[in-house]
Amino acid sequence: MKTKLRKATPADAKAFLYIKDHLPLAINGTNTTTGGFLLGTDEATYLDYINTSYCLVAEEDNKVIGFGIIFPDGKLRESDVWVRRHSASWHIDLAQYEQQQLCYFEQFAFLTGHKRAAVALAYHITSWAFAMGHETLFATTVNEPVRNLAAIPFVNAANGIKAGNIDETYPIIGHINSDIHMVEASNFYEQAKAHPLYSFVESQTIDLS
């Protein structure tokens, strides 16, 4: 089945919300999810992200099956993520990276059964952000109350490192512990070429119009 990657439009906000609401999630200390763990995002928030950030969707038969959202530098520095950065325990010299053009992988979510499309979208949205001048991409993955593995294969494939860890508290969910990962543009493309799906990923067309 042919997958189409394209820039998100405001009309996609409802599909983002549908996918978010259909991700597998169980709140207890022993569960793992590869679907995702997306908190506090409503349709209005998705509309804002589509208008202000790098947002790609994957479609099959004109149905949105997955999406990715990366905050550009300005959006990241206005976000709660940036405000909370000093609450994290870092394994890097954060001050060094604060001088760079940074981006943040805010959300990455796919319906089940679309691994190859997910790999292609992750590569192309990151490539888009780096092509626009961003030097380092940050992302978080939840450890507790449920372990979220959705982004880990991408981080590993992109030669990313674990840059820190943060404890947070969210309404309804309560305590959340997350790892912070970092991918640098300087070695992203060379590393991507070693991935077994690289030829497939490169063959995918992407519509950014």
N, C-alpha and C. Protein backbone atom coordinates (compact mmCIF):
# COMPACT_ATOMS: atom_id res chain seq x y z
N MET A 1 0.84 -1.19 0.00
CA MET A 1 0.00 0.00 0.00
C MET A 1 0.88 1.24 0.00
N LYS A 2 0.62 2.19 -0.89
CA LYS A 2 1.43 3.38 -1.05
C LYS A 2 1.21 4.35 0.10
N THR A 3 2.31 4.81 0.68
CA THR A 3 2.25 5.80 1.76
C THR A 3 2.63 7.16 1.21
N LYS A 4 1.89 8.18 1.59
CA LYS A 4 2.18 9.55 1.19
C LYS A 4 2.59 10.35 2.42
N LEU A 5 3.70 11.06 2.33
CA LEU A 5 4.13 11.96 3.38
C LEU A 5 3.91 13.39 2.92
N ARG A 6 3.28 14.19 3.75
CA ARG A 6 3.03 15.57 3.37
C ARG A 6 2.99 16.48 4.59
N LYS A 7 3.13 17.76 4.32
CA LYS A 7 3.00 18.77 5.37
C LYS A 7 1.56 18.79 5.88
N ALA A 8 1.42 18.89 7.19
CA ALA A 8 0.08 18.91 7.78
C ALA A 8 -0.63 20.21 7.47
N THR A 9 -1.94 20.14 7.40
CA THR A 9 -2.80 21.32 7.22
C THR A 9 -3.76 21.39 8.41
N PRO A 10 -4.39 22.55 8.63
CA PRO A 10 -5.34 22.66 9.75
C PRO A 10 -6.42 21.59 9.75
N ALA A 11 -6.80 21.10 8.58
CA ALA A 11 -7.84 20.07 8.51
C ALA A 11 -7.40 18.76 9.14
N ASP A 12 -6.08 18.59 9.37
CA ASP A 12 -5.57 17.35 9.95
C ASP A 12 -5.68 17.30 11.48
N ALA A 13 -6.02 18.40 12.11
CA ALA A 13 -6.05 18.44 13.57
C ALA A 13 -6.97 17.37 14.16
N LYS A 14 -8.11 17.15 13.53
CA LYS A 14 -9.03 16.13 14.03
C LYS A 14 -8.42 14.74 13.94
N ALA A 15 -7.67 14.48 12.86
CA ALA A 15 -7.01 13.18 12.72
C ALA A 15 -5.93 12.99 13.77
N PHE A 16 -5.19 14.07 14.09
CA PHE A 16 -4.19 14.00 15.15
C PHE A 16 -4.85 13.59 16.46
N LEU A 17 -5.98 14.22 16.76
CA LEU A 17 -6.68 13.93 18.00
C LEU A 17 -7.19 12.49 18.01
N TYR A 18 -7.67 12.01 16.88
CA TYR A 18 -8.16 10.63 16.78
C TYR A 18 -7.03 9.65 17.06
N ILE A 19 -5.88 9.88 16.44
CA ILE A 19 -4.74 8.97 16.65
C ILE A 19 -4.30 9.01 18.10
N LYS A 20 -4.19 10.20 18.66
CA LYS A 20 -3.81 10.35 20.07
C LYS A 20 -4.75 9.55 20.97
N ASP A 21 -6.04 9.64 20.71
CA ASP A 21 -7.03 8.98 21.57
C ASP A 21 -7.08 7.47 21.36
N HIS A 22 -6.44 6.97 20.30
CA HIS A 22 -6.46 5.53 20.02
C HIS A 22 -5.11 4.87 20.24
N LEU A 23 -4.18 5.59 20.84
CA LEU A 23 -2.90 4.97 21.17
C LEU A 23 -3.08 4.06 22.38
N PRO A 24 -2.41 2.90 22.38
CA PRO A 24 -2.51 2.02 23.56
C PRO A 24 -1.84 2.64 24.76
N LEU A 25 -2.52 2.64 25.89
CA LEU A 25 -1.96 3.23 27.10
C LEU A 25 -2.61 2.60 28.32
N ALA A 26 -1.79 2.11 29.23
CA ALA A 26 -2.29 1.58 30.49
C ALA A 26 -1.49 2.22 31.62
N ILE A 27 -2.17 2.79 32.58
CA ILE A 27 -1.49 3.49 33.65
C ILE A 27 -1.24 2.56 34.83
N ASN A 28 -0.11 1.91 34.82
CA ASN A 28 0.41 1.24 36.01
C ASN A 28 1.90 1.08 35.80
N GLY A 29 2.59 0.63 36.79
CA GLY A 29 4.04 0.66 36.77
C GLY A 29 4.70 -0.43 35.97
N THR A 30 3.94 -1.30 35.33
CA THR A 30 4.57 -2.45 34.68
C THR A 30 4.37 -2.49 33.18
N ASN A 31 3.66 -1.53 32.60
CA ASN A 31 3.31 -1.61 31.19
C ASN A 31 4.25 -0.83 30.29
N THR A 32 4.33 -1.30 29.08
CA THR A 32 5.14 -0.67 28.05
C THR A 32 4.26 -0.38 26.85
N THR A 33 4.46 0.76 26.19
CA THR A 33 3.72 1.08 24.99
C THR A 33 4.67 1.50 23.89
N THR A 34 4.44 1.00 22.69
CA THR A 34 5.17 1.48 21.52
C THR A 34 4.28 2.42 20.70
N GLY A 35 3.08 2.65 21.19
CA GLY A 35 2.15 3.53 20.47
C GLY A 35 2.38 4.99 20.75
N GLY A 36 2.65 5.32 21.98
CA GLY A 36 2.88 6.71 22.33
C GLY A 36 2.34 7.03 23.70
N PHE A 37 2.60 8.24 24.13
CA PHE A 37 2.17 8.70 25.44
C PHE A 37 2.03 10.21 25.34
N LEU A 38 0.88 10.68 24.85
CA LEU A 38 0.69 12.09 24.54
C LEU A 38 -0.27 12.70 25.54
N LEU A 39 0.17 13.78 26.17
CA LEU A 39 -0.60 14.38 27.25
C LEU A 39 -1.05 15.80 26.92
N GLY A 40 -2.24 16.15 27.37
CA GLY A 40 -2.67 17.54 27.39
C GLY A 40 -2.77 18.22 26.04
N THR A 41 -3.10 17.49 24.99
CA THR A 41 -3.20 18.10 23.67
C THR A 41 -4.63 17.98 23.16
N ASP A 42 -5.26 19.13 22.91
CA ASP A 42 -6.61 19.13 22.35
C ASP A 42 -6.55 19.63 20.91
N GLU A 43 -7.69 19.73 20.27
CA GLU A 43 -7.71 20.10 18.86
C GLU A 43 -7.15 21.50 18.63
N ALA A 44 -7.46 22.43 19.53
CA ALA A 44 -6.95 23.79 19.38
C ALA A 44 -5.42 23.82 19.48
N THR A 45 -4.87 22.99 20.36
CA THR A 45 -3.41 22.93 20.49
C THR A 45 -2.80 22.35 19.23
N TYR A 46 -3.40 21.32 18.67
CA TYR A 46 -2.89 20.76 17.42
C TYR A 46 -2.95 21.78 16.28
N LEU A 47 -3.99 22.58 16.23
CA LEU A 47 -4.08 23.63 15.22
C LEU A 47 -2.92 24.61 15.37
N ASP A 48 -2.61 24.96 16.60
CA ASP A 48 -1.48 25.87 16.85
C ASP A 48 -0.18 25.23 16.39
N TYR A 49 0.03 23.96 16.71
CA TYR A 49 1.26 23.28 16.32
C TYR A 49 1.38 23.24 14.79
N ILE A 50 0.28 22.93 14.12
CA ILE A 50 0.31 22.85 12.65
C ILE A 50 0.70 24.19 12.04
N ASN A 51 0.26 25.27 12.65
CA ASN A 51 0.52 26.61 12.12
C ASN A 51 1.90 27.15 12.49
N THR A 52 2.54 26.60 13.52
CA THR A 52 3.76 27.21 14.03
C THR A 52 4.98 26.28 14.03
N SER A 53 4.79 25.00 13.72
CA SER A 53 5.86 24.02 13.89
C SER A 53 6.03 23.18 12.62
N TYR A 54 7.02 22.30 12.64
CA TYR A 54 7.19 21.32 11.56
C TYR A 54 6.25 20.16 11.85
N CYS A 55 5.26 19.97 10.99
CA CYS A 55 4.28 18.91 11.18
C CYS A 55 4.13 18.13 9.87
N LEU A 56 4.38 16.84 9.94
CA LEU A 56 4.19 15.96 8.80
C LEU A 56 3.15 14.91 9.13
N VAL A 57 2.41 14.48 8.11
CA VAL A 57 1.48 13.37 8.27
C VAL A 57 1.84 12.28 7.26
N ALA A 58 1.51 11.06 7.62
CA ALA A 58 1.59 9.92 6.70
C ALA A 58 0.16 9.50 6.39
N GLU A 59 -0.10 9.30 5.11
CA GLU A 59 -1.43 8.90 4.66
C GLU A 59 -1.37 7.59 3.88
N GLU A 60 -2.40 6.79 4.04
CA GLU A 60 -2.64 5.64 3.18
C GLU A 60 -4.10 5.64 2.78
N ASP A 61 -4.37 5.54 1.50
CA ASP A 61 -5.75 5.60 0.99
C ASP A 61 -6.48 6.84 1.50
N ASN A 62 -5.76 7.97 1.52
CA ASN A 62 -6.30 9.26 1.95
C ASN A 62 -6.70 9.30 3.42
N LYS A 63 -6.18 8.35 4.21
CA LYS A 63 -6.43 8.33 5.65
C LYS A 63 -5.12 8.59 6.38
N VAL A 64 -5.16 9.52 7.34
CA VAL A 64 -3.97 9.82 8.14
C VAL A 64 -3.72 8.67 9.10
N ILE A 65 -2.53 8.07 9.00
CA ILE A 65 -2.18 6.92 9.85
C ILE A 65 -1.12 7.28 10.89
N GLY A 66 -0.54 8.47 10.76
CA GLY A 66 0.48 8.86 11.73
C GLY A 66 0.91 10.29 11.49
N PHE A 67 1.60 10.84 12.49
CA PHE A 67 2.06 12.23 12.36
C PHE A 67 3.28 12.46 13.24
N GLY A 68 4.00 13.51 12.91
CA GLY A 68 5.12 13.95 13.74
C GLY A 68 5.08 15.46 13.87
N ILE A 69 5.52 15.95 15.03
CA ILE A 69 5.56 17.39 15.30
C ILE A 69 6.91 17.75 15.90
N ILE A 70 7.61 18.66 15.27
CA ILE A 70 8.87 19.17 15.82
C ILE A 70 8.75 20.67 16.02
N PHE A 71 9.05 21.13 17.24
CA PHE A 71 9.07 22.56 17.51
C PHE A 71 10.35 23.17 16.94
N PRO A 72 10.25 24.29 16.18
CA PRO A 72 11.45 25.02 15.81
C PRO A 72 12.01 25.77 17.02
N ASP A 73 13.18 26.36 16.85
CA ASP A 73 13.87 26.99 17.96
C ASP A 73 12.99 28.00 18.71
N GLY A 74 12.33 28.89 18.00
CA GLY A 74 11.52 29.91 18.66
C GLY A 74 10.37 29.32 19.45
N LYS A 75 9.69 28.33 18.86
CA LYS A 75 8.56 27.68 19.54
C LYS A 75 9.04 26.93 20.78
N LEU A 76 10.18 26.26 20.66
CA LEU A 76 10.73 25.54 21.81
C LEU A 76 11.01 26.49 22.96
N ARG A 77 11.64 27.64 22.68
CA ARG A 77 12.03 28.57 23.74
C ARG A 77 10.85 29.30 24.38
N GLU A 78 9.67 29.19 23.76
CA GLU A 78 8.45 29.75 24.34
C GLU A 78 7.66 28.70 25.12
N SER A 79 8.08 27.44 25.06
CA SER A 79 7.28 26.34 25.59
C SER A 79 7.58 26.04 27.05
N ASP A 80 6.66 25.27 27.67
CA ASP A 80 6.86 24.80 29.04
C ASP A 80 8.09 23.89 29.12
N VAL A 81 8.37 23.18 28.04
CA VAL A 81 9.55 22.30 28.01
C VAL A 81 10.81 23.11 28.30
N TRP A 82 10.92 24.27 27.68
CA TRP A 82 12.10 25.12 27.87
C TRP A 82 12.15 25.68 29.29
N VAL A 83 11.00 26.09 29.81
CA VAL A 83 10.94 26.62 31.18
C VAL A 83 11.40 25.59 32.18
N ARG A 84 11.06 24.32 31.94
CA ARG A 84 11.37 23.26 32.89
C ARG A 84 12.77 22.65 32.72
N ARG A 85 13.55 23.17 31.78
CA ARG A 85 14.84 22.53 31.49
C ARG A 85 15.78 22.51 32.68
N HIS A 86 15.67 23.52 33.56
CA HIS A 86 16.58 23.56 34.71
C HIS A 86 16.16 22.60 35.82
N SER A 87 14.98 21.98 35.67
CA SER A 87 14.55 20.97 36.63
C SER A 87 15.11 19.59 36.30
N ALA A 88 15.71 19.47 35.13
CA ALA A 88 16.22 18.18 34.68
C ALA A 88 17.62 17.91 35.23
N SER A 89 17.95 16.64 35.28
CA SER A 89 19.31 16.20 35.58
C SER A 89 20.00 15.92 34.25
N TRP A 90 21.04 16.70 33.91
CA TRP A 90 21.66 16.63 32.59
C TRP A 90 22.98 15.87 32.62
N HIS A 91 23.23 15.13 31.53
CA HIS A 91 24.51 14.45 31.34
C HIS A 91 25.40 15.21 30.36
N ILE A 92 24.93 16.35 29.90
CA ILE A 92 25.67 17.19 28.95
C ILE A 92 25.84 18.58 29.54
N ASP A 93 26.68 19.39 28.91
CA ASP A 93 26.82 20.79 29.28
C ASP A 93 25.71 21.56 28.56
N LEU A 94 24.57 21.73 29.24
CA LEU A 94 23.40 22.32 28.59
C LEU A 94 23.69 23.72 28.07
N ALA A 95 24.48 24.49 28.81
CA ALA A 95 24.77 25.87 28.41
C ALA A 95 25.40 25.93 27.02
N GLN A 96 26.20 24.93 26.70
CA GLN A 96 26.84 24.87 25.38
C GLN A 96 25.79 24.75 24.28
N TYR A 97 24.77 23.94 24.52
CA TYR A 97 23.75 23.71 23.49
C TYR A 97 22.73 24.85 23.44
N GLU A 98 22.57 25.56 24.53
CA GLU A 98 21.61 26.68 24.54
C GLU A 98 22.01 27.77 23.56
N GLN A 99 23.26 27.79 23.14
CA GLN A 99 23.72 28.79 22.17
C GLN A 99 23.41 28.39 20.74
N GLN A 100 22.96 27.16 20.54
CA GLN A 100 22.68 26.66 19.20
C GLN A 100 21.24 26.94 18.79
N GLN A 101 20.95 26.65 17.51
CA GLN A 101 19.58 26.60 17.03
C GLN A 101 19.05 25.20 17.35
N LEU A 102 18.08 25.13 18.23
CA LEU A 102 17.58 23.85 18.72
C LEU A 102 16.17 23.58 18.21
N CYS A 103 15.81 22.31 18.18
CA CYS A 103 14.44 21.92 17.88
C CYS A 103 14.06 20.77 18.82
N TYR A 104 12.77 20.53 18.93
CA TYR A 104 12.28 19.55 19.91
C TYR A 104 11.19 18.68 19.29
N PHE A 105 11.38 17.36 19.37
CA PHE A 105 10.40 16.40 18.85
C PHE A 105 9.25 16.32 19.85
N GLU A 106 8.24 17.14 19.61
CA GLU A 106 7.12 17.25 20.55
C GLU A 106 6.25 16.00 20.56
N GLN A 107 5.87 15.51 19.39
CA GLN A 107 5.02 14.32 19.33
C GLN A 107 5.33 13.49 18.09
N PHE A 108 5.18 12.18 18.26
CA PHE A 108 5.38 11.22 17.17
C PHE A 108 4.42 10.08 17.45
N ALA A 109 3.44 9.89 16.57
CA ALA A 109 2.38 8.92 16.87
C ALA A 109 1.87 8.26 15.59
N PHE A 110 1.72 6.94 15.66
CA PHE A 110 1.20 6.17 14.53
C PHE A 110 0.20 5.14 15.02
N LEU A 111 -0.81 4.90 14.20
CA LEU A 111 -1.66 3.76 14.43
C LEU A 111 -0.82 2.49 14.25
N THR A 112 -1.22 1.40 14.88
CA THR A 112 -0.43 0.18 14.84
C THR A 112 -0.35 -0.39 13.41
N GLY A 113 0.79 -1.03 13.13
CA GLY A 113 0.94 -1.73 11.86
C GLY A 113 1.56 -0.92 10.74
N HIS A 114 2.25 0.18 11.07
CA HIS A 114 2.80 1.05 10.04
C HIS A 114 4.26 1.41 10.34
N LYS A 115 5.06 0.41 10.65
CA LYS A 115 6.44 0.65 11.08
C LYS A 115 7.27 1.34 10.01
N ARG A 116 7.19 0.88 8.76
CA ARG A 116 8.01 1.47 7.71
C ARG A 116 7.64 2.92 7.45
N ALA A 117 6.35 3.21 7.46
CA ALA A 117 5.91 4.59 7.28
C ALA A 117 6.39 5.47 8.43
N ALA A 118 6.39 4.91 9.64
CA ALA A 118 6.86 5.66 10.80
C ALA A 118 8.34 6.01 10.68
N VAL A 119 9.13 5.05 10.23
CA VAL A 119 10.57 5.30 10.03
C VAL A 119 10.78 6.40 9.00
N ALA A 120 10.04 6.33 7.90
CA ALA A 120 10.18 7.33 6.84
C ALA A 120 9.80 8.72 7.33
N LEU A 121 8.71 8.80 8.07
CA LEU A 121 8.28 10.11 8.56
C LEU A 121 9.27 10.68 9.56
N ALA A 122 9.76 9.86 10.47
CA ALA A 122 10.73 10.32 11.46
C ALA A 122 11.97 10.89 10.79
N TYR A 123 12.45 10.19 9.76
CA TYR A 123 13.64 10.67 9.04
C TYR A 123 13.34 11.99 8.34
N HIS A 124 12.25 12.06 7.61
CA HIS A 124 11.99 13.24 6.79
C HIS A 124 11.64 14.48 7.61
N ILE A 125 10.94 14.32 8.71
CA ILE A 125 10.63 15.51 9.51
C ILE A 125 11.88 16.03 10.21
N THR A 126 12.76 15.12 10.63
CA THR A 126 14.02 15.54 11.23
C THR A 126 14.92 16.20 10.19
N SER A 127 14.97 15.62 9.02
CA SER A 127 15.75 16.19 7.93
C SER A 127 15.24 17.59 7.58
N TRP A 128 13.94 17.76 7.58
CA TRP A 128 13.32 19.07 7.32
C TRP A 128 13.79 20.10 8.35
N ALA A 129 13.73 19.74 9.62
CA ALA A 129 14.14 20.66 10.67
C ALA A 129 15.63 21.01 10.56
N PHE A 130 16.47 20.01 10.30
CA PHE A 130 17.90 20.26 10.17
C PHE A 130 18.20 21.10 8.93
N ALA A 131 17.47 20.87 7.85
CA ALA A 131 17.68 21.65 6.63
C ALA A 131 17.34 23.12 6.84
N MET A 132 16.51 23.41 7.82
CA MET A 132 16.12 24.79 8.12
C MET A 132 17.10 25.46 9.10
N GLY A 133 18.20 24.78 9.40
CA GLY A 133 19.26 25.40 10.19
C GLY A 133 19.37 24.97 11.63
N HIS A 134 18.50 24.08 12.08
CA HIS A 134 18.59 23.61 13.46
C HIS A 134 19.77 22.64 13.59
N GLU A 135 20.49 22.77 14.69
CA GLU A 135 21.73 22.01 14.87
C GLU A 135 21.56 20.78 15.74
N THR A 136 20.63 20.84 16.69
CA THR A 136 20.44 19.72 17.62
C THR A 136 18.95 19.54 17.89
N LEU A 137 18.53 18.28 17.87
CA LEU A 137 17.15 17.90 18.16
C LEU A 137 17.09 17.23 19.52
N PHE A 138 16.16 17.66 20.36
CA PHE A 138 15.91 17.01 21.64
C PHE A 138 14.57 16.29 21.59
N ALA A 139 14.44 15.23 22.38
CA ALA A 139 13.20 14.47 22.49
C ALA A 139 13.13 13.84 23.87
N THR A 140 11.94 13.58 24.36
CA THR A 140 11.79 12.90 25.64
C THR A 140 10.99 11.62 25.45
N THR A 141 11.32 10.60 26.26
CA THR A 141 10.57 9.35 26.28
C THR A 141 10.23 9.02 27.73
N VAL A 142 8.98 8.67 27.97
CA VAL A 142 8.49 8.44 29.32
C VAL A 142 8.94 7.07 29.84
N ASN A 143 9.42 7.07 31.10
CA ASN A 143 9.77 5.82 31.79
C ASN A 143 8.67 5.38 32.75
N GLU A 144 8.05 6.31 33.45
CA GLU A 144 7.00 6.04 34.44
C GLU A 144 5.92 7.10 34.30
N PRO A 145 4.64 6.72 34.46
CA PRO A 145 4.09 5.45 34.98
C PRO A 145 4.00 4.34 33.93
N VAL A 146 4.22 4.66 32.67
CA VAL A 146 4.24 3.64 31.62
C VAL A 146 5.46 3.89 30.77
N ARG A 147 6.13 2.86 30.33
CA ARG A 147 7.36 3.03 29.56
C ARG A 147 7.01 3.18 28.08
N ASN A 148 7.34 4.33 27.50
CA ASN A 148 6.98 4.64 26.13
C ASN A 148 8.19 4.44 25.23
N LEU A 149 8.12 3.45 24.35
CA LEU A 149 9.24 3.11 23.47
C LEU A 149 9.07 3.64 22.05
N ALA A 150 8.06 4.46 21.81
CA ALA A 150 7.73 4.86 20.43
C ALA A 150 8.90 5.51 19.71
N ALA A 151 9.66 6.37 20.39
CA ALA A 151 10.72 7.12 19.72
C ALA A 151 12.10 6.48 19.83
N ILE A 152 12.23 5.44 20.65
CA ILE A 152 13.56 4.87 20.92
C ILE A 152 14.24 4.34 19.65
N PRO A 153 13.55 3.59 18.78
CA PRO A 153 14.23 3.12 17.56
C PRO A 153 14.78 4.26 16.72
N PHE A 154 14.03 5.36 16.63
CA PHE A 154 14.51 6.50 15.86
C PHE A 154 15.75 7.11 16.51
N VAL A 155 15.71 7.31 17.82
CA VAL A 155 16.87 7.89 18.52
C VAL A 155 18.11 7.03 18.31
N ASN A 156 17.95 5.73 18.43
CA ASN A 156 19.09 4.83 18.25
C ASN A 156 19.61 4.86 16.82
N ALA A 157 18.69 4.84 15.85
CA ALA A 157 19.08 4.84 14.45
C ALA A 157 19.79 6.13 14.06
N ALA A 158 19.44 7.23 14.73
CA ALA A 158 20.02 8.54 14.42
C ALA A 158 21.29 8.82 15.24
N ASN A 159 21.79 7.79 15.93
CA ASN A 159 22.99 7.94 16.76
C ASN A 159 22.78 8.96 17.88
N GLY A 160 21.56 8.99 18.39
CA GLY A 160 21.26 9.89 19.49
C GLY A 160 21.83 9.38 20.80
N ILE A 161 21.91 10.26 21.78
CA ILE A 161 22.40 9.89 23.10
C ILE A 161 21.37 10.29 24.16
N LYS A 162 21.47 9.65 25.32
CA LYS A 162 20.64 10.04 26.45
C LYS A 162 21.31 11.23 27.11
N ALA A 163 20.65 12.38 27.04
CA ALA A 163 21.25 13.64 27.49
C ALA A 163 20.84 14.03 28.91
N GLY A 164 19.77 13.42 29.45
CA GLY A 164 19.34 13.79 30.78
C GLY A 164 18.10 13.04 31.20
N ASN A 165 17.54 13.45 32.33
CA ASN A 165 16.35 12.82 32.89
C ASN A 165 15.58 13.88 33.67
N ILE A 166 14.25 13.76 33.67
CA ILE A 166 13.44 14.76 34.35
C ILE A 166 12.23 14.12 35.03
N ASP A 167 11.91 14.60 36.23
CA ASP A 167 10.69 14.23 36.95
C ASP A 167 9.69 15.37 36.81
N GLU A 168 8.43 15.02 36.51
CA GLU A 168 7.38 16.03 36.35
C GLU A 168 6.09 15.51 36.96
N THR A 169 5.12 16.41 37.14
CA THR A 169 3.80 16.04 37.62
C THR A 169 2.75 16.62 36.68
N TYR A 170 1.85 15.77 36.19
CA TYR A 170 0.79 16.18 35.30
C TYR A 170 -0.56 15.92 35.96
N PRO A 171 -1.57 16.78 35.67
CA PRO A 171 -2.92 16.51 36.16
C PRO A 171 -3.40 15.14 35.69
N ILE A 172 -4.17 14.47 36.54
CA ILE A 172 -4.77 13.15 36.29
C ILE A 172 -3.71 12.05 36.31
N ILE A 173 -2.63 12.20 35.53
CA ILE A 173 -1.61 11.16 35.45
C ILE A 173 -0.78 11.10 36.72
N GLY A 174 -0.41 12.27 37.24
CA GLY A 174 0.44 12.33 38.43
C GLY A 174 1.91 12.39 38.06
N HIS A 175 2.74 11.62 38.79
CA HIS A 175 4.19 11.65 38.60
C HIS A 175 4.59 11.02 37.27
N ILE A 176 5.50 11.68 36.57
CA ILE A 176 6.05 11.16 35.32
C ILE A 176 7.56 11.33 35.34
N ASN A 177 8.26 10.27 34.98
CA ASN A 177 9.71 10.35 34.83
C ASN A 177 10.06 10.08 33.37
N SER A 178 10.90 10.94 32.79
CA SER A 178 11.23 10.82 31.37
C SER A 178 12.73 10.95 31.14
N ASP A 179 13.23 10.21 30.16
CA ASP A 179 14.59 10.41 29.67
C ASP A 179 14.58 11.48 28.58
N ILE A 180 15.64 12.26 28.53
CA ILE A 180 15.82 13.28 27.50
C ILE A 180 16.90 12.80 26.54
N HIS A 181 16.58 12.79 25.25
CA HIS A 181 17.51 12.32 24.23
C HIS A 181 17.92 13.48 23.32
N MET A 182 19.05 13.31 22.66
CA MET A 182 19.60 14.37 21.82
C MET A 182 20.16 13.77 20.54
N VAL A 183 19.83 14.38 19.40
CA VAL A 183 20.35 13.98 18.10
C VAL A 183 20.98 15.22 17.45
N GLU A 184 22.21 15.11 16.99
CA GLU A 184 22.90 16.25 16.39
C GLU A 184 22.91 16.15 14.87
N ALA A 185 22.67 17.28 14.23
CA ALA A 185 22.62 17.32 12.77
C ALA A 185 23.95 16.91 12.16
N SER A 186 25.04 17.17 12.86
CA SER A 186 26.38 16.95 12.30
C SER A 186 26.63 15.51 11.89
N ASN A 187 25.95 14.54 12.55
CA ASN A 187 26.17 13.15 12.16
C ASN A 187 24.88 12.41 11.80
N PHE A 188 23.78 13.14 11.74
CA PHE A 188 22.48 12.52 11.48
C PHE A 188 22.44 11.84 10.10
N TYR A 189 22.86 12.54 9.07
CA TYR A 189 22.71 12.02 7.71
C TYR A 189 23.62 10.83 7.46
N GLU A 190 24.85 10.91 7.94
CA GLU A 190 25.79 9.81 7.75
C GLU A 190 25.29 8.56 8.48
N GLN A 191 24.78 8.75 9.68
CA GLN A 191 24.26 7.62 10.44
C GLN A 191 23.03 7.01 9.77
N ALA A 192 22.18 7.88 9.21
CA ALA A 192 20.96 7.39 8.57
C ALA A 192 21.26 6.45 7.42
N LYS A 193 22.36 6.69 6.71
CA LYS A 193 22.70 5.86 5.56
C LYS A 193 22.97 4.41 5.94
N ALA A 194 23.29 4.18 7.21
CA ALA A 194 23.58 2.81 7.66
C ALA A 194 22.32 2.04 8.04
N HIS A 195 21.18 2.72 8.08
CA HIS A 195 19.95 2.06 8.50
C HIS A 195 19.46 1.12 7.39
N PRO A 196 18.99 -0.08 7.75
CA PRO A 196 18.55 -1.04 6.73
C PRO A 196 17.37 -0.55 5.88
N LEU A 197 16.62 0.41 6.37
CA LEU A 197 15.49 0.94 5.60
C LEU A 197 15.82 2.25 4.89
N TYR A 198 17.10 2.60 4.82
CA TYR A 198 17.47 3.90 4.26
C TYR A 198 17.02 4.04 2.80
N SER A 199 17.23 3.01 1.99
CA SER A 199 16.83 3.08 0.58
C SER A 199 15.32 3.30 0.46
N PHE A 200 14.56 2.60 1.28
CA PHE A 200 13.11 2.80 1.28
C PHE A 200 12.75 4.22 1.70
N VAL A 201 13.38 4.70 2.76
CA VAL A 201 13.09 6.04 3.28
C VAL A 201 13.40 7.10 2.22
N GLU A 202 14.54 6.99 1.57
CA GLU A 202 14.95 7.95 0.57
C GLU A 202 14.04 7.92 -0.66
N SER A 203 13.42 6.78 -0.90
CA SER A 203 12.56 6.65 -2.08
C SER A 203 11.19 7.30 -1.87
N GLN A 204 10.86 7.62 -0.63
CA GLN A 204 9.56 8.19 -0.33
C GLN A 204 9.51 9.67 -0.72
N THR A 205 8.49 10.04 -1.43
CA THR A 205 8.30 11.46 -1.77
C THR A 205 7.66 12.18 -0.61
N ILE A 206 7.95 13.47 -0.48
CA ILE A 206 7.40 14.26 0.60
C ILE A 206 6.92 15.59 0.05
N ASP A 207 5.69 15.96 0.37
CA ASP A 207 5.08 17.18 -0.14
C ASP A 207 5.07 18.23 0.96
N LEU A 208 5.93 19.26 0.80
CA LEU A 208 6.01 20.33 1.80
C LEU A 208 5.32 21.61 1.32
N SER A 209 4.55 21.50 0.25
CA SER A 209 3.88 22.68 -0.27
C SER A 209 2.65 23.05 0.55
